Amino acid sequence: MSIALKLSDELVEMAKLHAAAEHRSVPKQIEYWARLGKAIDENPDLPLQFIKDTLLAAQEAKVGRLTPYQFGA
């Protein structure tokens, strides 16, 4: 579902810079920030990097890029 939103010029300009650096579209960059912010808000005791790694792992699982963990290796 997509809807039109009014965003500040400042936010859009920041998103353009980060989107280019991360090879994302501007809307996908803003979506990423929203998803990350939601995860941080829901898990205030977890470190930021842990949350980022968890979101990345969830996306990797979604597209089938899983490797079995070898215990004791």
Protein backbone atom coordinates (compact mmCIF):
# COMPACT_ATOMS: atom_id res chain seq x y z
CA MET A 1 0.00 0.00 0.00
CA SER A 2 1.33 3.43 -0.85
CA ILE A 3 0.05 6.79 0.24
CA ALA A 4 1.21 10.33 -0.42
CA LEU A 5 2.94 12.05 2.49
CA LYS A 6 4.17 15.58 2.97
CA LEU A 7 7.76 15.46 4.21
CA SER A 8 10.05 18.32 5.05
CA ASP A 9 12.57 19.34 2.40
CA GLU A 10 15.31 18.83 4.98
CA LEU A 11 14.33 15.18 5.57
CA VAL A 12 14.12 14.48 1.84
CA GLU A 13 17.55 16.05 1.23
CA MET A 14 19.11 13.98 4.04
CA ALA A 15 17.43 10.88 2.64
CA LYS A 16 18.85 11.58 -0.83
CA LEU A 17 22.40 11.60 0.52
CA HIS A 18 21.98 8.43 2.56
CA ALA A 19 20.02 6.71 -0.20
CA ALA A 20 22.80 7.32 -2.70
CA ALA A 21 25.43 6.02 -0.28
CA GLU A 22 23.39 2.89 0.51
CA HIS A 23 22.18 2.29 -3.07
CA ARG A 24 18.52 2.74 -2.11
CA SER A 25 15.78 4.90 -3.52
CA VAL A 26 14.74 7.90 -1.44
CA PRO A 27 11.41 6.29 -0.45
CA LYS A 28 13.19 3.05 0.51
CA GLN A 29 15.69 5.03 2.61
CA ILE A 30 12.90 6.75 4.51
CA GLU A 31 11.15 3.37 4.91
CA TYR A 32 14.40 1.92 6.32
CA TRP A 33 14.69 4.78 8.81
CA ALA A 34 11.08 4.27 9.87
CA ARG A 35 11.57 0.52 10.34
CA LEU A 36 14.79 1.10 12.28
CA GLY A 37 13.20 3.78 14.45
CA LYS A 38 10.25 1.51 15.22
CA ALA A 39 12.60 -1.32 16.23
CA ILE A 40 14.60 1.03 18.45
CA ASP A 41 11.43 2.38 20.04
CA GLU A 42 10.20 -1.16 20.75
CA ASN A 43 13.59 -2.33 22.10
CA PRO A 44 15.17 0.60 23.96
CA ASP A 45 17.59 -1.63 25.89
CA LEU A 46 19.21 -3.17 22.80
CA PRO A 47 22.27 -1.62 21.14
CA LEU A 48 21.70 0.03 17.76
CA GLN A 49 24.14 -2.27 15.92
CA PHE A 50 22.38 -5.36 17.31
CA ILE A 51 19.06 -4.05 16.00
CA LYS A 52 20.58 -3.27 12.57
CA ASP A 53 22.14 -6.74 12.39
CA THR A 54 18.84 -8.34 13.39
CA LEU A 55 16.93 -6.44 10.69
CA LEU A 56 19.55 -7.50 8.13
CA ALA A 57 19.35 -11.13 9.25
CA ALA A 58 15.56 -11.07 8.99
CA GLN A 59 15.81 -9.77 5.42
CA GLU A 60 18.42 -12.40 4.53
CA ALA A 61 16.11 -15.10 5.88
CA LYS A 62 13.22 -13.68 3.88
CA VAL A 63 15.15 -14.07 0.62
CA GLY A 64 16.57 -17.48 1.50
CA ARG A 65 20.18 -16.50 2.24
CA LEU A 66 20.56 -18.71 5.28
CA THR A 67 23.53 -20.81 6.27
CA PRO A 68 23.37 -23.44 9.00
CA TYR A 69 25.19 -22.60 12.21
CA GLN A 70 27.90 -25.09 13.13
CA PHE A 71 28.10 -25.54 16.88
CA GLY A 72 31.60 -26.01 18.26
CA ALA A 73 33.26 -24.90 15.02
